[in-house]
Amino acid sequence: KRRIEIMSELFEDYKIQVADISEFVDSFSSNEEL
């Protein structure tokens, strides 16, 4: 809801589609990379 609200403030036309994924990442070198 927060992202949709901010997106609406920035762009008039956009679509929303939810990403249905597993949020597991097996390796990363930094917090930023994750």
ModelCIF file with pLDDT and N, C-alpha, C, O atoms, coordinates in Angstrom:
data_MODEL
#
_entry.id   MODEL 
#
_entity.id                         1 
_entity.type                       polymer 
_entity.pdbx_number_of_molecules   1 
#
_entity_poly.entity_id                      1 
_entity_poly.type                           'polypeptide(L)' 
_entity_poly.nstd_linkage                   no 
_entity_poly.nstd_monomer                   no 
_entity_poly.pdbx_seq_one_letter_code       KRRIEIMSELFEDYKIQVADISEFVDSFSSNEEL 
_entity_poly.pdbx_seq_one_letter_code_can   KRRIEIMSELFEDYKIQVADISEFVDSFSSNEEL 
_entity_poly.pdbx_strand_id                 A 
#
loop_
_entity_poly_seq.entity_id 
_entity_poly_seq.num 
_entity_poly_seq.mon_id 
_entity_poly_seq.hetero 
1 1  LYS n 
1 2  ARG n 
1 3  ARG n 
1 4  ILE n 
1 5  GLU n 
1 6  ILE n 
1 7  MET n 
1 8  SER n 
1 9  GLU n 
1 10 LEU n 
1 11 PHE n 
1 12 GLU n 
1 13 ASP n 
1 14 TYR n 
1 15 LYS n 
1 16 ILE n 
1 17 GLN n 
1 18 VAL n 
1 19 ALA n 
1 20 ASP n 
1 21 ILE n 
1 22 SER n 
1 23 GLU n 
1 24 PHE n 
1 25 VAL n 
1 26 ASP n 
1 27 SER n 
1 28 PHE n 
1 29 SER n 
1 30 SER n 
1 31 ASN n 
1 32 GLU n 
1 33 GLU n 
1 34 LEU n 
#
_struct_asym.id          A 
_struct_asym.entity_id   1 
#
loop_
_ma_qa_metric.id 
_ma_qa_metric.mode 
_ma_qa_metric.name 
_ma_qa_metric.software_group_id 
_ma_qa_metric.type 
1 global pLDDT . pLDDT 
2 local  pLDDT . pLDDT 
#
_ma_qa_metric_global.metric_id      1 
_ma_qa_metric_global.metric_value   86.94 
_ma_qa_metric_global.model_id       1 
_ma_qa_metric_global.ordinal_id     1 
#
loop_
_ma_qa_metric_local.label_asym_id 
_ma_qa_metric_local.label_comp_id 
_ma_qa_metric_local.label_seq_id 
_ma_qa_metric_local.metric_id 
_ma_qa_metric_local.metric_value 
_ma_qa_metric_local.model_id 
_ma_qa_metric_local.ordinal_id 
A LYS 1  2 91.00 1 1  
A ARG 2  2 92.00 1 2  
A ARG 3  2 95.00 1 3  
A ILE 4  2 95.00 1 4  
A GLU 5  2 95.00 1 5  
A ILE 6  2 96.00 1 6  
A MET 7  2 96.00 1 7  
A SER 8  2 96.00 1 8  
A GLU 9  2 96.00 1 9  
A LEU 10 2 96.00 1 10 
A PHE 11 2 95.00 1 11 
A GLU 12 2 90.00 1 12 
A ASP 13 2 92.00 1 13 
A TYR 14 2 95.00 1 14 
A LYS 15 2 96.00 1 15 
A ILE 16 2 96.00 1 16 
A GLN 17 2 95.00 1 17 
A VAL 18 2 91.00 1 18 
A ALA 19 2 85.00 1 19 
A ASP 20 2 80.00 1 20 
A ILE 21 2 79.00 1 21 
A SER 22 2 73.00 1 22 
A GLU 23 2 70.00 1 23 
A PHE 24 2 66.00 1 24 
A VAL 25 2 63.00 1 25 
A ASP 26 2 67.00 1 26 
A SER 27 2 66.00 1 27 
A PHE 28 2 69.00 1 28 
A SER 29 2 80.00 1 29 
A SER 30 2 89.00 1 30 
A ASN 31 2 92.00 1 31 
A GLU 32 2 94.00 1 32 
A GLU 33 2 93.00 1 33 
A LEU 34 2 92.00 1 34 
#
loop_
_atom_site.group_PDB 
_atom_site.id 
_atom_site.type_symbol 
_atom_site.label_atom_id 
_atom_site.label_alt_id 
_atom_site.label_comp_id 
_atom_site.label_asym_id 
_atom_site.label_entity_id 
_atom_site.label_seq_id 
_atom_site.pdbx_PDB_ins_code 
_atom_site.Cartn_x 
_atom_site.Cartn_y 
_atom_site.Cartn_z 
_atom_site.occupancy 
_atom_site.B_iso_or_equiv 
_atom_site.pdbx_formal_charge 
_atom_site.auth_seq_id 
_atom_site.auth_comp_id 
_atom_site.auth_asym_id 
_atom_site.auth_atom_id 
_atom_site.pdbx_PDB_model_num 
ATOM 1   N N  . LYS A 1 1  ? 0.831  -1.211  0.000   1.00 91.00 ? 1  LYS A N  1 
ATOM 2   C CA . LYS A 1 1  ? 0.000  0.000   0.000   1.00 91.00 ? 1  LYS A CA 1 
ATOM 3   C C  . LYS A 1 1  ? 0.862  1.256   0.000   1.00 91.00 ? 1  LYS A C  1 
ATOM 4   O O  . LYS A 1 1  ? 0.532  2.238   -0.665  1.00 91.00 ? 1  LYS A O  1 
ATOM 5   N N  . ARG A 1 2  ? 1.954  1.229   0.737   1.00 92.00 ? 2  ARG A N  1 
ATOM 6   C CA . ARG A 1 2  ? 2.841  2.391   0.803   1.00 92.00 ? 2  ARG A CA 1 
ATOM 7   C C  . ARG A 1 2  ? 3.484  2.664   -0.558  1.00 92.00 ? 2  ARG A C  1 
ATOM 8   O O  . ARG A 1 2  ? 3.555  3.811   -1.001  1.00 92.00 ? 2  ARG A O  1 
ATOM 9   N N  . ARG A 1 3  ? 3.953  1.599   -1.218  1.00 95.00 ? 3  ARG A N  1 
ATOM 10  C CA . ARG A 1 3  ? 4.574  1.790   -2.538  1.00 95.00 ? 3  ARG A CA 1 
ATOM 11  C C  . ARG A 1 3  ? 3.553  2.273   -3.562  1.00 95.00 ? 3  ARG A C  1 
ATOM 12  O O  . ARG A 1 3  ? 3.861  3.140   -4.381  1.00 95.00 ? 3  ARG A O  1 
ATOM 13  N N  . ILE A 1 4  ? 2.358  1.730   -3.525  1.00 95.00 ? 4  ILE A N  1 
ATOM 14  C CA . ILE A 1 4  ? 1.302  2.156   -4.456  1.00 95.00 ? 4  ILE A CA 1 
ATOM 15  C C  . ILE A 1 4  ? 0.964  3.628   -4.239  1.00 95.00 ? 4  ILE A C  1 
ATOM 16  O O  . ILE A 1 4  ? 0.790  4.376   -5.201  1.00 95.00 ? 4  ILE A O  1 
ATOM 17  N N  . GLU A 1 5  ? 0.873  4.039   -2.993  1.00 95.00 ? 5  GLU A N  1 
ATOM 18  C CA . GLU A 1 5  ? 0.574  5.440   -2.671  1.00 95.00 ? 5  GLU A CA 1 
ATOM 19  C C  . GLU A 1 5  ? 1.656  6.370   -3.222  1.00 95.00 ? 5  GLU A C  1 
ATOM 20  O O  . GLU A 1 5  ? 1.348  7.394   -3.833  1.00 95.00 ? 5  GLU A O  1 
ATOM 21  N N  . ILE A 1 6  ? 2.917  6.013   -3.006  1.00 96.00 ? 6  ILE A N  1 
ATOM 22  C CA . ILE A 1 6  ? 4.014  6.860   -3.488  1.00 96.00 ? 6  ILE A CA 1 
ATOM 23  C C  . ILE A 1 6  ? 4.076  6.832   -5.013  1.00 96.00 ? 6  ILE A C  1 
ATOM 24  O O  . ILE A 1 6  ? 4.304  7.863   -5.646  1.00 96.00 ? 6  ILE A O  1 
ATOM 25  N N  . MET A 1 7  ? 3.876  5.667   -5.595  1.00 96.00 ? 7  MET A N  1 
ATOM 26  C CA . MET A 1 7  ? 3.875  5.546   -7.059  1.00 96.00 ? 7  MET A CA 1 
ATOM 27  C C  . MET A 1 7  ? 2.819  6.468   -7.657  1.00 96.00 ? 7  MET A C  1 
ATOM 28  O O  . MET A 1 7  ? 3.060  7.111   -8.678  1.00 96.00 ? 7  MET A O  1 
ATOM 29  N N  . SER A 1 8  ? 1.654  6.532   -7.024  1.00 96.00 ? 8  SER A N  1 
ATOM 30  C CA . SER A 1 8  ? 0.566  7.392   -7.504  1.00 96.00 ? 8  SER A CA 1 
ATOM 31  C C  . SER A 1 8  ? 0.927  8.867   -7.432  1.00 96.00 ? 8  SER A C  1 
ATOM 32  O O  . SER A 1 8  ? 0.426  9.671   -8.218  1.00 96.00 ? 8  SER A O  1 
ATOM 33  N N  . GLU A 1 9  ? 1.789  9.222   -6.498  1.00 96.00 ? 9  GLU A N  1 
ATOM 34  C CA . GLU A 1 9  ? 2.244  10.613  -6.397  1.00 96.00 ? 9  GLU A CA 1 
ATOM 35  C C  . GLU A 1 9  ? 3.216  10.970  -7.516  1.00 96.00 ? 9  GLU A C  1 
ATOM 36  O O  . GLU A 1 9  ? 3.333  12.136  -7.892  1.00 96.00 ? 9  GLU A O  1 
ATOM 37  N N  . LEU A 1 10 ? 3.915  9.965   -8.048  1.00 96.00 ? 10 LEU A N  1 
ATOM 38  C CA . LEU A 1 10 ? 4.961  10.223  -9.040  1.00 96.00 ? 10 LEU A CA 1 
ATOM 39  C C  . LEU A 1 10 ? 4.504  10.060  -10.487 1.00 96.00 ? 10 LEU A C  1 
ATOM 40  O O  . LEU A 1 10 ? 4.930  10.808  -11.367 1.00 96.00 ? 10 LEU A O  1 
ATOM 41  N N  . PHE A 1 11 ? 3.635  9.078   -10.728 1.00 95.00 ? 11 PHE A N  1 
ATOM 42  C CA . PHE A 1 11 ? 3.261  8.733   -12.101 1.00 95.00 ? 11 PHE A CA 1 
ATOM 43  C C  . PHE A 1 11 ? 1.753  8.571   -12.197 1.00 95.00 ? 11 PHE A C  1 
ATOM 44  O O  . PHE A 1 11 ? 1.131  7.919   -11.359 1.00 95.00 ? 11 PHE A O  1 
ATOM 45  N N  . GLU A 1 12 ? 1.171  9.175   -13.234 1.00 90.00 ? 12 GLU A N  1 
ATOM 46  C CA . GLU A 1 12 ? -0.277 9.077   -13.418 1.00 90.00 ? 12 GLU A CA 1 
ATOM 47  C C  . GLU A 1 12 ? -0.697 7.703   -13.915 1.00 90.00 ? 12 GLU A C  1 
ATOM 48  O O  . GLU A 1 12 ? -1.674 7.129   -13.434 1.00 90.00 ? 12 GLU A O  1 
ATOM 49  N N  . ASP A 1 13 ? 0.040  7.189   -14.871 1.00 92.00 ? 13 ASP A N  1 
ATOM 50  C CA . ASP A 1 13 ? -0.336 5.913   -15.486 1.00 92.00 ? 13 ASP A CA 1 
ATOM 51  C C  . ASP A 1 13 ? 0.682  4.833   -15.149 1.00 92.00 ? 13 ASP A C  1 
ATOM 52  O O  . ASP A 1 13 ? 1.862  4.948   -15.480 1.00 92.00 ? 13 ASP A O  1 
ATOM 53  N N  . TYR A 1 14 ? 0.222  3.809   -14.502 1.00 95.00 ? 14 TYR A N  1 
ATOM 54  C CA . TYR A 1 14 ? 1.050  2.641   -14.238 1.00 95.00 ? 14 TYR A CA 1 
ATOM 55  C C  . TYR A 1 14 ? 0.123  1.488   -13.896 1.00 95.00 ? 14 TYR A C  1 
ATOM 56  O O  . TYR A 1 14 ? -1.045 1.684   -13.559 1.00 95.00 ? 14 TYR A O  1 
ATOM 57  N N  . LYS A 1 15 ? 0.661  0.299   -13.990 1.00 96.00 ? 15 LYS A N  1 
ATOM 58  C CA . LYS A 1 15 ? -0.081 -0.904  -13.643 1.00 96.00 ? 15 LYS A CA 1 
ATOM 59  C C  . LYS A 1 15 ? 0.554  -1.524  -12.405 1.00 96.00 ? 15 LYS A C  1 
ATOM 60  O O  . LYS A 1 15 ? 1.697  -1.232  -12.053 1.00 96.00 ? 15 LYS A O  1 
ATOM 61  N N  . ILE A 1 16 ? -0.211 -2.374  -11.766 1.00 96.00 ? 16 ILE A N  1 
ATOM 62  C CA . ILE A 1 16 ? 0.290  -3.117  -10.610 1.00 96.00 ? 16 ILE A CA 1 
ATOM 63  C C  . ILE A 1 16 ? 0.168  -4.604  -10.919 1.00 96.00 ? 16 ILE A C  1 
ATOM 64  O O  . ILE A 1 16 ? -0.888 -5.081  -11.334 1.00 96.00 ? 16 ILE A O  1 
ATOM 65  N N  . GLN A 1 17 ? 1.248  -5.317  -10.712 1.00 95.00 ? 17 GLN A N  1 
ATOM 66  C CA . GLN A 1 17 ? 1.210  -6.775  -10.808 1.00 95.00 ? 17 GLN A CA 1 
ATOM 67  C C  . GLN A 1 17 ? 2.117  -7.326  -9.725  1.00 95.00 ? 17 GLN A C  1 
ATOM 68  O O  . GLN A 1 17 ? 3.295  -6.976  -9.651  1.00 95.00 ? 17 GLN A O  1 
ATOM 69  N N  . VAL A 1 18 ? 1.571  -8.175  -8.897  1.00 91.00 ? 18 VAL A N  1 
ATOM 70  C CA . VAL A 1 18 ? 2.312  -8.700  -7.749  1.00 91.00 ? 18 VAL A CA 1 
ATOM 71  C C  . VAL A 1 18 ? 3.269  -9.788  -8.212  1.00 91.00 ? 18 VAL A C  1 
ATOM 72  O O  . VAL A 1 18 ? 2.909  -10.673 -8.988  1.00 91.00 ? 18 VAL A O  1 
ATOM 73  N N  . ALA A 1 19 ? 4.495  -9.697  -7.715  1.00 85.00 ? 19 ALA A N  1 
ATOM 74  C CA . ALA A 1 19 ? 5.505  -10.721 -7.984  1.00 85.00 ? 19 ALA A CA 1 
ATOM 75  C C  . ALA A 1 19 ? 5.359  -11.819 -6.939  1.00 85.00 ? 19 ALA A C  1 
ATOM 76  O O  . ALA A 1 19 ? 5.507  -11.577 -5.741  1.00 85.00 ? 19 ALA A O  1 
ATOM 77  N N  . ASP A 1 20 ? 5.072  -13.008 -7.403  1.00 80.00 ? 20 ASP A N  1 
ATOM 78  C CA . ASP A 1 20 ? 4.917  -14.143 -6.502  1.00 80.00 ? 20 ASP A CA 1 
ATOM 79  C C  . ASP A 1 20 ? 6.182  -14.996 -6.578  1.00 80.00 ? 20 ASP A C  1 
ATOM 80  O O  . ASP A 1 20 ? 6.291  -15.888 -7.418  1.00 80.00 ? 20 ASP A O  1 
ATOM 81  N N  . ILE A 1 21 ? 7.139  -14.709 -5.686  1.00 79.00 ? 21 ILE A N  1 
ATOM 82  C CA . ILE A 1 21 ? 8.418  -15.417 -5.720  1.00 79.00 ? 21 ILE A CA 1 
ATOM 83  C C  . ILE A 1 21 ? 8.807  -15.857 -4.313  1.00 79.00 ? 21 ILE A C  1 
ATOM 84  O O  . ILE A 1 21 ? 8.288  -15.353 -3.317  1.00 79.00 ? 21 ILE A O  1 
ATOM 85  N N  . SER A 1 22 ? 9.722  -16.796 -4.261  1.00 73.00 ? 22 SER A N  1 
ATOM 86  C CA . SER A 1 22 ? 10.367 -17.153 -2.998  1.00 73.00 ? 22 SER A CA 1 
ATOM 87  C C  . SER A 1 22 ? 11.449 -16.110 -2.756  1.00 73.00 ? 22 SER A C  1 
ATOM 88  O O  . SER A 1 22 ? 12.239 -15.818 -3.654  1.00 73.00 ? 22 SER A O  1 
ATOM 89  N N  . GLU A 1 23 ? 11.492 -15.554 -1.567  1.00 70.00 ? 23 GLU A N  1 
ATOM 90  C CA . GLU A 1 23 ? 12.475 -14.516 -1.278  1.00 70.00 ? 23 GLU A CA 1 
ATOM 91  C C  . GLU A 1 23 ? 13.758 -15.101 -0.696  1.00 70.00 ? 23 GLU A C  1 
ATOM 92  O O  . GLU A 1 23 ? 14.380 -14.493 0.176   1.00 70.00 ? 23 GLU A O  1 
ATOM 93  N N  . PHE A 1 24 ? 14.150 -16.263 -1.171  1.00 66.00 ? 24 PHE A N  1 
ATOM 94  C CA . PHE A 1 24 ? 15.368 -16.903 -0.703  1.00 66.00 ? 24 PHE A CA 1 
ATOM 95  C C  . PHE A 1 24 ? 16.492 -16.639 -1.696  1.00 66.00 ? 24 PHE A C  1 
ATOM 96  O O  . PHE A 1 24 ? 16.337 -16.871 -2.895  1.00 66.00 ? 24 PHE A O  1 
ATOM 97  N N  . VAL A 1 25 ? 17.613 -16.158 -1.199  1.00 63.00 ? 25 VAL A N  1 
ATOM 98  C CA . VAL A 1 25 ? 18.807 -15.948 -2.004  1.00 63.00 ? 25 VAL A CA 1 
ATOM 99  C C  . VAL A 1 25 ? 19.918 -16.738 -1.331  1.00 63.00 ? 25 VAL A C  1 
ATOM 100 O O  . VAL A 1 25 ? 20.206 -16.525 -0.154  1.00 63.00 ? 25 VAL A O  1 
ATOM 101 N N  . ASP A 1 26 ? 20.545 -17.649 -2.069  1.00 67.00 ? 26 ASP A N  1 
ATOM 102 C CA . ASP A 1 26 ? 21.521 -18.544 -1.446  1.00 67.00 ? 26 ASP A CA 1 
ATOM 103 C C  . ASP A 1 26 ? 22.873 -17.901 -1.163  1.00 67.00 ? 26 ASP A C  1 
ATOM 104 O O  . ASP A 1 26 ? 23.554 -18.305 -0.220  1.00 67.00 ? 26 ASP A O  1 
ATOM 105 N N  . SER A 1 27 ? 23.280 -16.909 -1.956  1.00 66.00 ? 27 SER A N  1 
ATOM 106 C CA . SER A 1 27 ? 24.565 -16.277 -1.676  1.00 66.00 ? 27 SER A CA 1 
ATOM 107 C C  . SER A 1 27 ? 24.522 -14.807 -2.076  1.00 66.00 ? 27 SER A C  1 
ATOM 108 O O  . SER A 1 27 ? 23.877 -14.424 -3.053  1.00 66.00 ? 27 SER A O  1 
ATOM 109 N N  . PHE A 1 28 ? 25.220 -14.008 -1.301  1.00 69.00 ? 28 PHE A N  1 
ATOM 110 C CA . PHE A 1 28 ? 25.335 -12.584 -1.600  1.00 69.00 ? 28 PHE A CA 1 
ATOM 111 C C  . PHE A 1 28 ? 26.570 -12.065 -0.869  1.00 69.00 ? 28 PHE A C  1 
ATOM 112 O O  . PHE A 1 28 ? 26.956 -12.596 0.172   1.00 69.00 ? 28 PHE A O  1 
ATOM 113 N N  . SER A 1 29 ? 27.177 -11.033 -1.420  1.00 80.00 ? 29 SER A N  1 
ATOM 114 C CA . SER A 1 29 ? 28.420 -10.532 -0.833  1.00 80.00 ? 29 SER A CA 1 
ATOM 115 C C  . SER A 1 29 ? 28.218 -9.344  0.094   1.00 80.00 ? 29 SER A C  1 
ATOM 116 O O  . SER A 1 29 ? 29.098 -9.022  0.893   1.00 80.00 ? 29 SER A O  1 
ATOM 117 N N  . SER A 1 30 ? 27.066 -8.690  -0.007  1.00 89.00 ? 30 SER A N  1 
ATOM 118 C CA . SER A 1 30 ? 26.809 -7.535  0.854   1.00 89.00 ? 30 SER A CA 1 
ATOM 119 C C  . SER A 1 30 ? 25.303 -7.394  1.052   1.00 89.00 ? 30 SER A C  1 
ATOM 120 O O  . SER A 1 30 ? 24.505 -7.982  0.322   1.00 89.00 ? 30 SER A O  1 
ATOM 121 N N  . ASN A 1 31 ? 24.939 -6.612  2.045   1.00 92.00 ? 31 ASN A N  1 
ATOM 122 C CA . ASN A 1 31 ? 23.518 -6.340  2.281   1.00 92.00 ? 31 ASN A CA 1 
ATOM 123 C C  . ASN A 1 31 ? 22.881 -5.658  1.074   1.00 92.00 ? 31 ASN A C  1 
ATOM 124 O O  . ASN A 1 31 ? 21.745 -5.958  0.707   1.00 92.00 ? 31 ASN A O  1 
ATOM 125 N N  . GLU A 1 32 ? 23.630 -4.734  0.458   1.00 94.00 ? 32 GLU A N  1 
ATOM 126 C CA . GLU A 1 32 ? 23.123 -4.047  -0.730  1.00 94.00 ? 32 GLU A CA 1 
ATOM 127 C C  . GLU A 1 32 ? 22.882 -5.038  -1.862  1.00 94.00 ? 32 GLU A C  1 
ATOM 128 O O  . GLU A 1 32 ? 21.871 -4.953  -2.559  1.00 94.00 ? 32 GLU A O  1 
ATOM 129 N N  . GLU A 1 33 ? 23.806 -5.977  -2.045  1.00 93.00 ? 33 GLU A N  1 
ATOM 130 C CA . GLU A 1 33 ? 23.644 -6.965  -3.109  1.00 93.00 ? 33 GLU A CA 1 
ATOM 131 C C  . GLU A 1 33 ? 22.406 -7.830  -2.860  1.00 93.00 ? 33 GLU A C  1 
ATOM 132 O O  . GLU A 1 33 ? 21.696 -8.179  -3.803  1.00 93.00 ? 33 GLU A O  1 
ATOM 133 N N  . LEU A 1 34 ? 22.146 -8.174  -1.609  1.00 92.00 ? 34 LEU A N  1 
ATOM 134 C CA . LEU A 1 34 ? 20.980 -8.999  -1.290  1.00 92.00 ? 34 LEU A CA 1 
ATOM 135 C C  . LEU A 1 34 ? 19.680 -8.304  -1.688  1.00 92.00 ? 34 LEU A C  1 
ATOM 136 O O  . LEU A 1 34 ? 18.598 -8.858  -1.491  1.00 92.00 ? 34 LEU A O  1 
#
